[in-house]
Protein backbone atom coordinates (compact mmCIF):
# COMPACT_ATOMS: atom_id res chain seq x y z
CA GLN A 1 -0.06 0.01 0.01
CA VAL A 2 1.27 3.40 -0.96
CA GLN A 3 1.70 6.06 1.65
CA LEU A 4 2.65 9.52 1.51
CA VAL A 5 3.47 11.36 4.77
CA GLU A 6 3.93 15.13 4.81
CA SER A 7 5.61 16.99 7.63
CA GLY A 8 7.29 20.41 8.22
CA GLY A 9 4.08 22.50 8.45
CA GLY A 10 3.49 25.09 11.18
CA LEU A 11 2.90 28.71 11.95
CA VAL A 12 5.31 31.24 10.56
CA GLN A 13 5.31 35.04 10.31
CA ALA A 14 5.10 36.71 6.93
CA GLY A 15 8.53 36.88 5.30
CA GLY A 16 9.69 33.62 7.03
CA SER A 17 10.50 30.26 5.64
CA LEU A 18 9.36 26.64 6.02
CA ARG A 19 10.56 23.49 4.47
CA LEU A 20 7.86 20.78 3.79
CA SER A 21 8.83 17.01 3.44
CA CYS A 22 6.99 14.33 1.82
CA ALA A 23 7.98 10.73 2.64
CA ALA A 24 6.85 7.93 0.21
CA SER A 25 6.69 4.45 1.24
CA GLY A 26 5.02 1.08 0.41
CA ARG A 27 6.51 0.56 -3.05
CA SER A 28 9.35 1.54 -5.59
CA PHE A 29 8.88 5.05 -6.60
CA VAL A 30 10.98 4.63 -9.62
CA ASN A 31 9.74 6.88 -12.50
CA TYR A 32 7.22 8.51 -10.26
CA ALA A 33 6.42 12.29 -10.71
CA MET A 34 5.78 14.11 -7.52
CA ALA A 35 3.82 17.24 -6.86
CA TRP A 36 2.55 19.68 -4.14
CA PHE A 37 -0.99 21.07 -4.00
CA ARG A 38 -2.70 23.26 -1.39
CA GLN A 39 -6.07 24.08 -0.44
CA ALA A 40 -7.14 27.16 1.52
CA PRO A 41 -10.46 27.27 3.60
CA GLY A 42 -13.38 27.73 1.05
CA LYS A 43 -11.18 27.32 -1.83
CA GLU A 44 -10.42 24.74 -4.37
CA ARG A 45 -7.19 22.53 -4.28
CA GLU A 46 -4.68 24.24 -6.36
CA PHE A 47 -1.32 23.21 -7.87
CA VAL A 48 1.87 24.50 -6.30
CA ALA A 49 4.79 22.62 -7.66
CA ALA A 50 5.79 19.42 -9.41
CA LEU A 51 8.89 17.66 -10.61
CA SER A 52 9.83 14.70 -12.58
CA TRP A 53 11.46 11.42 -11.32
CA SER A 54 14.93 12.70 -12.52
CA GLY A 55 14.38 16.07 -10.77
CA ARG A 56 15.43 17.79 -14.05
CA THR A 57 11.96 19.05 -14.99
CA THR A 58 10.23 21.23 -12.42
CA PHE A 59 7.18 23.33 -12.49
CA LEU A 60 5.99 26.02 -10.15
CA ALA A 61 2.77 27.89 -10.13
CA ASP A 62 2.94 31.69 -11.09
CA SER A 63 2.03 32.63 -7.43
CA VAL A 64 5.03 30.85 -5.85
CA LYS A 65 7.71 31.40 -8.44
CA GLY A 66 10.91 32.99 -7.11
CA ARG A 67 9.78 32.05 -3.59
CA PHE A 68 9.32 28.20 -3.62
CA THR A 69 11.52 25.38 -4.65
CA ILE A 70 10.72 21.69 -5.04
CA SER A 71 13.38 19.12 -4.93
CA ARG A 72 13.70 15.27 -4.21
CA ASP A 73 15.80 12.82 -2.87
CA ASN A 74 15.18 9.53 -4.64
CA ALA A 75 17.50 7.60 -2.23
CA LYS A 76 15.20 8.53 0.59
CA ASN A 77 11.85 8.53 -1.40
CA THR A 78 11.34 12.08 -0.29
CA VAL A 79 10.29 15.17 -1.97
CA TYR A 80 10.65 18.69 -0.46
CA LEU A 81 9.13 22.15 -0.86
CA GLN A 82 11.20 25.01 0.35
CA MET A 83 9.12 28.02 1.01
CA ASN A 84 10.67 31.38 1.36
CA SER A 85 9.28 34.90 1.91
CA LEU A 86 6.00 33.36 2.82
CA LYS A 87 2.84 35.56 2.59
CA PRO A 88 -0.56 35.35 4.36
CA GLU A 89 -1.95 34.19 1.31
CA ASP A 90 0.08 31.17 1.34
CA THR A 91 -1.91 29.89 4.31
CA ALA A 92 -3.47 26.53 3.43
CA VAL A 93 -3.29 22.66 3.93
CA TYR A 94 -0.34 21.45 1.80
CA TYR A 95 -0.74 18.13 0.15
CA CYS A 96 1.78 15.86 -1.51
CA ALA A 97 0.79 13.74 -4.56
CA ALA A 98 2.54 11.20 -6.65
CA ASP A 99 1.88 8.92 -9.80
CA ARG A 100 3.98 7.42 -12.70
CA GLU A 101 5.45 9.91 -15.03
CA ARG A 102 3.34 8.87 -18.05
CA SER A 103 3.32 10.37 -21.52
CA GLY A 104 1.99 13.77 -21.43
CA TRP A 105 2.63 14.69 -17.85
CA ALA A 106 5.48 17.26 -18.62
CA THR A 107 3.28 18.92 -21.51
CA THR A 108 -0.15 18.73 -19.99
CA TYR A 109 -0.95 16.87 -16.84
CA TYR A 110 1.67 17.87 -14.22
CA SER A 111 -0.63 20.31 -12.53
CA GLY A 112 -4.00 18.41 -12.63
CA ILE A 113 -5.24 17.13 -9.46
CA TYR A 114 -6.97 14.06 -11.19
CA TYR A 115 -3.65 12.79 -12.74
CA TYR A 116 -2.25 11.88 -9.37
CA ASN A 117 -3.70 8.74 -7.65
CA TYR A 118 -1.51 8.80 -4.47
CA TRP A 119 -2.12 11.65 -1.84
CA GLY A 120 -0.81 12.44 1.57
CA GLN A 121 -3.10 13.39 4.37
CA GLY A 122 -1.66 17.09 4.21
CA THR A 123 0.06 19.55 6.49
CA GLN A 124 -1.06 22.82 7.65
CA VAL A 125 0.87 25.95 6.90
CA THR A 126 -0.30 29.34 8.52
CA VAL A 127 1.36 32.45 7.75
CA SER A 128 0.59 35.51 10.09
CA SER A 129 0.64 39.04 9.04
């Protein structure tokens, strides 16, 4: 059974930083793309960042470009989201997602919530003003 477990969330002041981690277990994640999404109260879940198995292809939502970085350590089956210069509007539950890096992922599907079949339980990030 696939498990994704997020950690690293918390309360931080505006301008601060947090590093989220997502540890994957239960199977081999070779050739799996990984992604982060977030959901604020009363809003739909939205794409934040994604990266390929190799880590050479990354995507970031426009709202976080220049502030967030996504990376992975395949030896540890872990993906990270480094969040700098945090803003109150970054407040949300952050979810890790994973699925095989199939044809079309890099051109079309990387930001789609329906592409990923494996999800973590989420970690709360709260940014105070």
